[in-house]
Full PDB file with SEQRES, HELIX, SHEET, SSBOND, CRYST1, ORIGX, SCALE, CONECT and MASTER records, all heavy atoms in Angstrom:
SEQRES   1 A   30  GLU ASN ARG ILE GLU THR GLU TYR VAL PHE GLN ASP MET          
SEQRES   2 A   30  ASP ASN LEU PRO GLU GLY PHE VAL THR PRO ILE GLU ARG          
SEQRES   3 A   30  GLN LYS PRO TRP                                              
CRYST1    1.000    1.000    1.000  90.00  90.00  90.00 P 1           1          
ORIGX1      1.000000  0.000000  0.000000        0.00000                         
ORIGX2      0.000000  1.000000  0.000000        0.00000                         
ORIGX3      0.000000  0.000000  1.000000        0.00000                         
SCALE1      1.000000  0.000000  0.000000        0.00000                         
SCALE2      0.000000  1.000000  0.000000        0.00000                         
SCALE3      0.000000  0.000000  1.000000        0.00000                         
ATOM      1  N   GLU A   1       5.143  -7.502  20.665  1.00  0.00           N  
ATOM      2  CA  GLU A   1       3.960  -6.796  21.195  1.00  0.00           C  
ATOM      3  C   GLU A   1       3.526  -7.285  22.567  1.00  0.00           C  
ATOM      4  O   GLU A   1       2.967  -6.598  23.386  1.00  0.00           O  
ATOM      5  CB  GLU A   1       2.826  -6.917  20.187  1.00  0.00           C  
ATOM      6  CG  GLU A   1       2.992  -6.229  18.929  1.00  0.00           C  
ATOM      7  CD  GLU A   1       1.873  -6.554  17.843  1.00  0.00           C  
ATOM      8  OE1 GLU A   1       0.900  -7.110  18.298  1.00  0.00           O  
ATOM      9  OE2 GLU A   1       2.182  -6.362  16.672  1.00  0.00           O  
ATOM     10  N   ASN A   2       3.875  -8.536  22.920  1.00  0.00           N  
ATOM     11  CA  ASN A   2       3.566  -9.052  24.276  1.00  0.00           C  
ATOM     12  C   ASN A   2       4.526  -8.604  25.324  1.00  0.00           C  
ATOM     13  O   ASN A   2       4.215  -8.804  26.524  1.00  0.00           O  
ATOM     14  CB  ASN A   2       3.569 -10.598  24.218  1.00  0.00           C  
ATOM     15  CG  ASN A   2       2.414 -11.140  23.455  1.00  0.00           C  
ATOM     16  OD1 ASN A   2       1.337 -10.574  23.269  1.00  0.00           O  
ATOM     17  ND2 ASN A   2       2.663 -12.327  22.699  1.00  0.00           N  
ATOM     18  N   ARG A   3       5.609  -7.983  24.907  1.00  0.00           N  
ATOM     19  CA  ARG A   3       6.623  -7.536  25.916  1.00  0.00           C  
ATOM     20  C   ARG A   3       6.615  -6.048  26.140  1.00  0.00           C  
ATOM     21  O   ARG A   3       7.061  -5.568  27.233  1.00  0.00           O  
ATOM     22  CB  ARG A   3       8.021  -7.984  25.410  1.00  0.00           C  
ATOM     23  CG  ARG A   3       8.164  -9.511  25.226  1.00  0.00           C  
ATOM     24  CD  ARG A   3       9.630  -9.811  24.826  1.00  0.00           C  
ATOM     25  NE  ARG A   3       9.739 -11.027  24.135  1.00  0.00           N  
ATOM     26  CZ  ARG A   3      10.700 -11.288  23.213  1.00  0.00           C  
ATOM     27  NH1 ARG A   3      11.496 -10.426  22.888  1.00  0.00           N  
ATOM     28  NH2 ARG A   3      10.691 -12.472  22.695  1.00  0.00           N  
ATOM     29  N   ILE A   4       6.370  -5.257  25.108  1.00  0.00           N  
ATOM     30  CA  ILE A   4       6.652  -3.828  25.227  1.00  0.00           C  
ATOM     31  C   ILE A   4       5.647  -3.135  24.232  1.00  0.00           C  
ATOM     32  O   ILE A   4       5.155  -3.721  23.281  1.00  0.00           O  
ATOM     33  CB  ILE A   4       8.060  -3.507  24.821  1.00  0.00           C  
ATOM     34  CG1 ILE A   4       8.470  -2.092  25.114  1.00  0.00           C  
ATOM     35  CG2 ILE A   4       8.326  -3.891  23.390  1.00  0.00           C  
ATOM     36  CD1 ILE A   4      10.001  -1.799  24.934  1.00  0.00           C  
ATOM     37  N   GLU A   5       5.305  -1.880  24.557  1.00  0.00           N  
ATOM     38  CA  GLU A   5       4.462  -1.125  23.650  1.00  0.00           C  
ATOM     39  C   GLU A   5       5.080  -0.999  22.284  1.00  0.00           C  
ATOM     40  O   GLU A   5       6.266  -0.677  22.184  1.00  0.00           O  
ATOM     41  CB  GLU A   5       4.212   0.285  24.204  1.00  0.00           C  
ATOM     42  CG  GLU A   5       3.333   1.184  23.310  1.00  0.00           C  
ATOM     43  CD  GLU A   5       3.122   2.555  23.764  1.00  0.00           C  
ATOM     44  OE1 GLU A   5       3.591   2.892  24.904  1.00  0.00           O  
ATOM     45  OE2 GLU A   5       2.587   3.392  23.023  1.00  0.00           O  
ATOM     46  N   THR A   6       4.326  -1.380  21.251  1.00  0.00           N  
ATOM     47  CA  THR A   6       4.908  -1.523  19.859  1.00  0.00           C  
ATOM     48  C   THR A   6       4.088  -0.769  18.901  1.00  0.00           C  
ATOM     49  O   THR A   6       2.939  -0.749  18.909  1.00  0.00           O  
ATOM     50  CB  THR A   6       5.006  -3.048  19.528  1.00  0.00           C  
ATOM     51  OG1 THR A   6       5.706  -3.746  20.522  1.00  0.00           O  
ATOM     52  CG2 THR A   6       5.635  -3.231  18.132  1.00  0.00           C  
ATOM     53  N   GLU A   7       4.817  -0.140  17.940  1.00  0.00           N  
ATOM     54  CA  GLU A   7       4.150   0.623  16.859  1.00  0.00           C  
ATOM     55  C   GLU A   7       4.925   0.318  15.594  1.00  0.00           C  
ATOM     56  O   GLU A   7       6.139   0.125  15.584  1.00  0.00           O  
ATOM     57  CB  GLU A   7       4.016   2.098  17.200  1.00  0.00           C  
ATOM     58  CG  GLU A   7       3.078   2.832  16.349  1.00  0.00           C  
ATOM     59  CD  GLU A   7       2.585   4.104  17.003  1.00  0.00           C  
ATOM     60  OE1 GLU A   7       2.955   4.383  18.159  1.00  0.00           O  
ATOM     61  OE2 GLU A   7       1.781   4.887  16.299  1.00  0.00           O  
ATOM     62  N   TYR A   8       4.141   0.436  14.466  1.00  0.00           N  
ATOM     63  CA  TYR A   8       4.832   0.164  13.157  1.00  0.00           C  
ATOM     64  C   TYR A   8       4.674   1.397  12.292  1.00  0.00           C  
ATOM     65  O   TYR A   8       3.615   2.074  12.315  1.00  0.00           O  
ATOM     66  CB  TYR A   8       4.127  -0.955  12.393  1.00  0.00           C  
ATOM     67  CG  TYR A   8       4.243  -2.253  13.215  1.00  0.00           C  
ATOM     68  CD1 TYR A   8       3.229  -2.591  14.112  1.00  0.00           C  
ATOM     69  CD2 TYR A   8       5.321  -3.190  13.040  1.00  0.00           C  
ATOM     70  CE1 TYR A   8       3.322  -3.828  14.827  1.00  0.00           C  
ATOM     71  CE2 TYR A   8       5.428  -4.317  13.759  1.00  0.00           C  
ATOM     72  CZ  TYR A   8       4.391  -4.642  14.683  1.00  0.00           C  
ATOM     73  OH  TYR A   8       4.439  -5.757  15.429  1.00  0.00           O  
ATOM     74  N   VAL A   9       5.738   1.703  11.561  1.00  0.00           N  
ATOM     75  CA  VAL A   9       5.701   2.868  10.641  1.00  0.00           C  
ATOM     76  C   VAL A   9       6.224   2.320   9.327  1.00  0.00           C  
ATOM     77  O   VAL A   9       7.150   1.513   9.250  1.00  0.00           O  
ATOM     78  CB  VAL A   9       6.666   4.007  11.145  1.00  0.00           C  
ATOM     79  CG1 VAL A   9       6.838   5.026   9.988  1.00  0.00           C  
ATOM     80  CG2 VAL A   9       6.110   4.647  12.326  1.00  0.00           C  
ATOM     81  N   PHE A  10       5.540   2.787   8.248  1.00  0.00           N  
ATOM     82  CA  PHE A  10       5.962   2.266   6.910  1.00  0.00           C  
ATOM     83  C   PHE A  10       6.885   3.296   6.229  1.00  0.00           C  
ATOM     84  O   PHE A  10       6.600   4.474   6.246  1.00  0.00           O  
ATOM     85  CB  PHE A  10       4.774   2.075   6.027  1.00  0.00           C  
ATOM     86  CG  PHE A  10       3.852   0.999   6.533  1.00  0.00           C  
ATOM     87  CD1 PHE A  10       2.578   1.273   6.968  1.00  0.00           C  
ATOM     88  CD2 PHE A  10       4.270  -0.329   6.574  1.00  0.00           C  
ATOM     89  CE1 PHE A  10       1.727   0.312   7.444  1.00  0.00           C  
ATOM     90  CE2 PHE A  10       3.400  -1.338   7.054  1.00  0.00           C  
ATOM     91  CZ  PHE A  10       2.126  -1.036   7.413  1.00  0.00           C  
ATOM     92  N   GLN A  11       8.029   2.839   5.660  1.00  0.00           N  
ATOM     93  CA  GLN A  11       8.876   3.664   4.911  1.00  0.00           C  
ATOM     94  C   GLN A  11       8.459   3.605   3.458  1.00  0.00           C  
ATOM     95  O   GLN A  11       9.011   2.874   2.667  1.00  0.00           O  
ATOM     96  CB  GLN A  11      10.358   3.268   5.103  1.00  0.00           C  
ATOM     97  CG  GLN A  11      11.321   4.291   4.382  1.00  0.00           C  
ATOM     98  CD  GLN A  11      12.817   3.926   4.595  1.00  0.00           C  
ATOM     99  OE1 GLN A  11      13.099   2.873   5.223  1.00  0.00           O  
ATOM    100  NE2 GLN A  11      13.655   4.783   4.060  1.00  0.00           N  
ATOM    101  N   ASP A  12       7.475   4.483   3.151  1.00  0.00           N  
ATOM    102  CA  ASP A  12       6.905   4.501   1.846  1.00  0.00           C  
ATOM    103  C   ASP A  12       7.685   5.486   0.957  1.00  0.00           C  
ATOM    104  O   ASP A  12       7.941   6.667   1.425  1.00  0.00           O  
ATOM    105  CB  ASP A  12       5.404   4.910   1.890  1.00  0.00           C  
ATOM    106  CG  ASP A  12       4.528   3.850   2.445  1.00  0.00           C  
ATOM    107  OD1 ASP A  12       4.913   2.703   2.331  1.00  0.00           O  
ATOM    108  OD2 ASP A  12       3.497   4.192   3.038  1.00  0.00           O  
ATOM    109  N   MET A  13       8.093   5.096  -0.214  1.00  0.00           N  
ATOM    110  CA  MET A  13       8.805   5.995  -1.086  1.00  0.00           C  
ATOM    111  C   MET A  13       8.077   7.288  -1.430  1.00  0.00           C  
ATOM    112  O   MET A  13       8.694   8.317  -1.644  1.00  0.00           O  
ATOM    113  CB  MET A  13       9.101   5.226  -2.421  1.00  0.00           C  
ATOM    114  CG  MET A  13      10.259   4.306  -2.378  1.00  0.00           C  
ATOM    115  SD  MET A  13      10.832   3.811  -3.932  1.00  0.00           S  
ATOM    116  CE  MET A  13       9.372   3.004  -4.637  1.00  0.00           C  
ATOM    117  N   ASP A  14       6.767   7.239  -1.392  1.00  0.00           N  
ATOM    118  CA  ASP A  14       5.972   8.390  -1.711  1.00  0.00           C  
ATOM    119  C   ASP A  14       5.717   9.357  -0.529  1.00  0.00           C  
ATOM    120  O   ASP A  14       5.138  10.412  -0.684  1.00  0.00           O  
ATOM    121  CB  ASP A  14       4.586   7.990  -2.275  1.00  0.00           C  
ATOM    122  CG  ASP A  14       4.730   7.295  -3.562  1.00  0.00           C  
ATOM    123  OD1 ASP A  14       5.728   7.558  -4.368  1.00  0.00           O  
ATOM    124  OD2 ASP A  14       3.874   6.451  -3.914  1.00  0.00           O  
ATOM    125  N   ASN A  15       6.243   8.973   0.629  1.00  0.00           N  
ATOM    126  CA  ASN A  15       6.198   9.806   1.845  1.00  0.00           C  
ATOM    127  C   ASN A  15       7.290  10.891   1.773  1.00  0.00           C  
ATOM    128  O   ASN A  15       8.355  10.730   2.283  1.00  0.00           O  
ATOM    129  CB  ASN A  15       6.253   9.043   3.089  1.00  0.00           C  
ATOM    130  CG  ASN A  15       6.101   9.912   4.334  1.00  0.00           C  
ATOM    131  OD1 ASN A  15       5.701  11.073   4.304  1.00  0.00           O  
ATOM    132  ND2 ASN A  15       6.556   9.292   5.448  1.00  0.00           N  
ATOM    133  N   LEU A  16       6.985  11.985   1.077  1.00  0.00           N  
ATOM    134  CA  LEU A  16       7.917  12.992   0.844  1.00  0.00           C  
ATOM    135  C   LEU A  16       7.487  14.444   1.342  1.00  0.00           C  
ATOM    136  O   LEU A  16       6.224  14.592   1.465  1.00  0.00           O  
ATOM    137  CB  LEU A  16       8.330  13.130  -0.711  1.00  0.00           C  
ATOM    138  CG  LEU A  16       8.859  11.913  -1.345  1.00  0.00           C  
ATOM    139  CD1 LEU A  16       9.081  12.120  -2.796  1.00  0.00           C  
ATOM    140  CD2 LEU A  16      10.225  11.583  -0.691  1.00  0.00           C  
ATOM    141  N   PRO A  17       8.284  15.383   1.556  1.00  0.00           N  
ATOM    142  CA  PRO A  17       7.906  16.670   1.906  1.00  0.00           C  
ATOM    143  C   PRO A  17       6.998  17.266   0.757  1.00  0.00           C  
ATOM    144  O   PRO A  17       7.133  16.840  -0.382  1.00  0.00           O  
ATOM    145  CB  PRO A  17       9.182  17.435   2.001  1.00  0.00           C  
ATOM    146  CG  PRO A  17      10.295  16.451   2.322  1.00  0.00           C  
ATOM    147  CD  PRO A  17       9.848  15.236   1.604  1.00  0.00           C  
ATOM    148  N   GLU A  18       6.209  18.149   1.152  1.00  0.00           N  
ATOM    149  CA  GLU A  18       5.217  18.715   0.231  1.00  0.00           C  
ATOM    150  C   GLU A  18       5.922  19.327  -0.995  1.00  0.00           C  
ATOM    151  O   GLU A  18       6.995  19.986  -0.815  1.00  0.00           O  
ATOM    152  CB  GLU A  18       4.412  19.846   0.975  1.00  0.00           C  
ATOM    153  CG  GLU A  18       3.208  20.422   0.136  1.00  0.00           C  
ATOM    154  CD  GLU A  18       2.408  21.492   0.886  1.00  0.00           C  
ATOM    155  OE1 GLU A  18       2.599  21.519   2.082  1.00  0.00           O  
ATOM    156  OE2 GLU A  18       1.590  22.101   0.228  1.00  0.00           O  
ATOM    157  N   GLY A  19       5.363  19.052  -2.133  1.00  0.00           N  
ATOM    158  CA  GLY A  19       5.943  19.590  -3.322  1.00  0.00           C  
ATOM    159  C   GLY A  19       6.856  18.657  -4.103  1.00  0.00           C  
ATOM    160  O   GLY A  19       7.320  18.912  -5.292  1.00  0.00           O  
ATOM    161  N   PHE A  20       7.146  17.483  -3.568  1.00  0.00           N  
ATOM    162  CA  PHE A  20       7.975  16.516  -4.251  1.00  0.00           C  
ATOM    163  C   PHE A  20       7.287  15.201  -4.571  1.00  0.00           C  
ATOM    164  O   PHE A  20       6.384  14.869  -3.811  1.00  0.00           O  
ATOM    165  CB  PHE A  20       9.216  16.219  -3.298  1.00  0.00           C  
ATOM    166  CG  PHE A  20      10.106  17.345  -3.026  1.00  0.00           C  
ATOM    167  CD1 PHE A  20       9.951  18.160  -1.948  1.00  0.00           C  
ATOM    168  CD2 PHE A  20      11.176  17.681  -3.944  1.00  0.00           C  
ATOM    169  CE1 PHE A  20      10.781  19.232  -1.695  1.00  0.00           C  
ATOM    170  CE2 PHE A  20      11.920  18.714  -3.807  1.00  0.00           C  
ATOM    171  CZ  PHE A  20      11.801  19.507  -2.643  1.00  0.00           C  
ATOM    172  N   VAL A  21       7.691  14.607  -5.653  1.00  0.00           N  
ATOM    173  CA  VAL A  21       7.034  13.363  -6.110  1.00  0.00           C  
ATOM    174  C   VAL A  21       8.106  12.378  -6.437  1.00  0.00           C  
ATOM    175  O   VAL A  21       9.182  12.730  -7.031  1.00  0.00           O  
ATOM    176  CB  VAL A  21       6.229  13.641  -7.331  1.00  0.00           C  
ATOM    177  CG1 VAL A  21       5.590  12.313  -7.876  1.00  0.00           C  
ATOM    178  CG2 VAL A  21       5.119  14.645  -7.145  1.00  0.00           C  
ATOM    179  N   THR A  22       7.906  11.058  -6.066  1.00  0.00           N  
ATOM    180  CA  THR A  22       8.843  10.110  -6.415  1.00  0.00           C  
ATOM    181  C   THR A  22       8.854   9.658  -7.778  1.00  0.00           C  
ATOM    182  O   THR A  22       7.762   9.435  -8.380  1.00  0.00           O  
ATOM    183  CB  THR A  22       8.505   8.752  -5.531  1.00  0.00           C  
ATOM    184  OG1 THR A  22       8.561   9.128  -4.144  1.00  0.00           O  
ATOM    185  CG2 THR A  22       9.548   7.612  -5.816  1.00  0.00           C  
ATOM    186  N   PRO A  23       9.952   9.601  -8.477  1.00  0.00           N  
ATOM    187  CA  PRO A  23      10.049   9.216  -9.910  1.00  0.00           C  
ATOM    188  C   PRO A  23       9.501   7.775 -10.053  1.00  0.00           C  
ATOM    189  O   PRO A  23       9.653   6.890  -9.168  1.00  0.00           O  
ATOM    190  CB  PRO A  23      11.524   9.183 -10.193  1.00  0.00           C  
ATOM    191  CG  PRO A  23      12.186  10.103  -9.229  1.00  0.00           C  
ATOM    192  CD  PRO A  23      11.353   9.980  -7.957  1.00  0.00           C  
ATOM    193  N   ILE A  24       8.728   7.568 -11.085  1.00  0.00           N  
ATOM    194  CA  ILE A  24       8.057   6.264 -11.297  1.00  0.00           C  
ATOM    195  C   ILE A  24       9.020   5.125 -11.352  1.00  0.00           C  
ATOM    196  O   ILE A  24       8.791   4.012 -10.816  1.00  0.00           O  
ATOM    197  CB  ILE A  24       7.146   6.353 -12.560  1.00  0.00           C  
ATOM    198  CG1 ILE A  24       6.105   7.310 -12.457  1.00  0.00           C  
ATOM    199  CG2 ILE A  24       6.682   4.957 -12.932  1.00  0.00           C  
ATOM    200  CD1 ILE A  24       5.208   7.491 -13.738  1.00  0.00           C  
ATOM    201  N   GLU A  25      10.211   5.427 -11.895  1.00  0.00           N  
ATOM    202  CA  GLU A  25      11.232   4.361 -12.031  1.00  0.00           C  
ATOM    203  C   GLU A  25      12.025   3.979 -10.878  1.00  0.00           C  
ATOM    204  O   GLU A  25      12.658   2.949 -10.794  1.00  0.00           O  
ATOM    205  CB  GLU A  25      12.221   4.752 -13.161  1.00  0.00           C  
ATOM    206  CG  GLU A  25      11.552   5.127 -14.575  1.00  0.00           C  
ATOM    207  CD  GLU A  25      11.180   6.487 -14.664  1.00  0.00           C  
ATOM    208  OE1 GLU A  25      11.124   7.201 -13.611  1.00  0.00           O  
ATOM    209  OE2 GLU A  25      10.775   6.908 -15.772  1.00  0.00           O  
ATOM    210  N   ARG A  26      11.943   4.874  -9.744  1.00  0.00           N  
ATOM    211  CA  ARG A  26      12.662   4.475  -8.558  1.00  0.00           C  
ATOM    212  C   ARG A  26      12.111   3.202  -7.898  1.00  0.00           C  
ATOM    213  O   ARG A  26      10.959   2.997  -7.734  1.00  0.00           O  
ATOM    214  CB  ARG A  26      12.629   5.618  -7.578  1.00  0.00           C  
ATOM    215  CG  ARG A  26      13.564   5.413  -6.370  1.00  0.00           C  
ATOM    216  CD  ARG A  26      13.729   6.624  -5.469  1.00  0.00           C  
ATOM    217  NE  ARG A  26      14.507   6.287  -4.350  1.00  0.00           N  
ATOM    218  CZ  ARG A  26      15.813   6.643  -4.229  1.00  0.00           C  
ATOM    219  NH1 ARG A  26      16.358   7.348  -5.230  1.00  0.00           N  
ATOM    220  NH2 ARG A  26      16.542   6.326  -3.176  1.00  0.00           N  
ATOM    221  N   GLN A  27      13.126   2.327  -7.504  1.00  0.00           N  
ATOM    222  CA  GLN A  27      12.737   1.027  -6.995  1.00  0.00           C  
ATOM    223  C   GLN A  27      12.948   0.898  -5.438  1.00  0.00           C  
ATOM    224  O   GLN A  27      12.458  -0.152  -4.881  1.00  0.00           O  
ATOM    225  CB  GLN A  27      13.631  -0.029  -7.736  1.00  0.00           C  
ATOM    226  CG  GLN A  27      13.365  -0.076  -9.161  1.00  0.00           C  
ATOM    227  CD  GLN A  27      11.982  -0.611  -9.512  1.00  0.00           C  
ATOM    228  OE1 GLN A  27      11.438  -1.524  -8.940  1.00  0.00           O  
ATOM    229  NE2 GLN A  27      11.297   0.183 -10.428  1.00  0.00           N  
ATOM    230  N   LYS A  28      13.646   1.739  -4.808  1.00  0.00           N  
ATOM    231  CA  LYS A  28      13.940   1.564  -3.395  1.00  0.00           C  
ATOM    232  C   LYS A  28      13.652   2.831  -2.570  1.00  0.00           C  
ATOM    233  O   LYS A  28      13.565   3.957  -3.097  1.00  0.00           O  
ATOM    234  CB  LYS A  28      15.377   1.127  -3.224  1.00  0.00           C  
ATOM    235  CG  LYS A  28      16.384   2.158  -3.729  1.00  0.00           C  
ATOM    236  CD  LYS A  28      17.776   1.609  -3.498  1.00  0.00           C  
ATOM    237  CE  LYS A  28      18.913   2.583  -3.961  1.00  0.00           C  
ATOM    238  NZ  LYS A  28      20.254   2.072  -3.785  1.00  0.00           N  
ATOM    239  N   PRO A  29      13.496   2.716  -1.273  1.00  0.00           N  
ATOM    240  CA  PRO A  29      13.266   3.890  -0.414  1.00  0.00           C  
ATOM    241  C   PRO A  29      14.448   4.856  -0.428  1.00  0.00           C  
ATOM    242  O   PRO A  29      15.503   4.562  -1.070  1.00  0.00           O  
ATOM    243  CB  PRO A  29      13.107   3.228   0.973  1.00  0.00           C  
ATOM    244  CG  PRO A  29      12.675   1.818   0.759  1.00  0.00           C  
ATOM    245  CD  PRO A  29      13.375   1.435  -0.476  1.00  0.00           C  
ATOM    246  N   TRP A  30      14.367   5.962   0.263  1.00  0.00           N  
ATOM    247  CA  TRP A  30      15.256   7.064   0.116  1.00  0.00           C  
ATOM    248  C   TRP A  30      16.421   7.048   1.142  1.00  0.00           C  
ATOM    249  O   TRP A  30      17.123   7.965   1.198  1.00  0.00           O  
ATOM    250  CB  TRP A  30      14.511   8.424   0.202  1.00  0.00           C  
ATOM    251  CG  TRP A  30      13.568   8.622  -0.893  1.00  0.00           C  
ATOM    252  CD1 TRP A  30      12.195   8.293  -0.907  1.00  0.00           C  
ATOM    253  CD2 TRP A  30      13.810   9.226  -2.168  1.00  0.00           C  
ATOM    254  NE1 TRP A  30      11.618   8.591  -2.091  1.00  0.00           N  
ATOM    255  CE2 TRP A  30      12.636   9.216  -2.919  1.00  0.00           C  
ATOM    256  CE3 TRP A  30      14.932   9.722  -2.735  1.00  0.00           C  
ATOM    257  CZ2 TRP A  30      12.502   9.718  -4.200  1.00  0.00           C  
ATOM    258  CZ3 TRP A  30      14.821  10.272  -4.087  1.00  0.00           C  
ATOM    259  CH2 TRP A  30      13.662  10.243  -4.788  1.00  0.00           C  
TER     260      TRP A  30                                                      
MASTER        0    0    0    0    0    0    0    6  259    1    0    3          
END                                                                             
């Protein structure tokens, strides 16, 4: 962050297109 403009994005399993839901049993991102 001291060297260059920095931003963070989370790869959340539940970040899916509208109408889709992550199965409860899934353990890892997509």
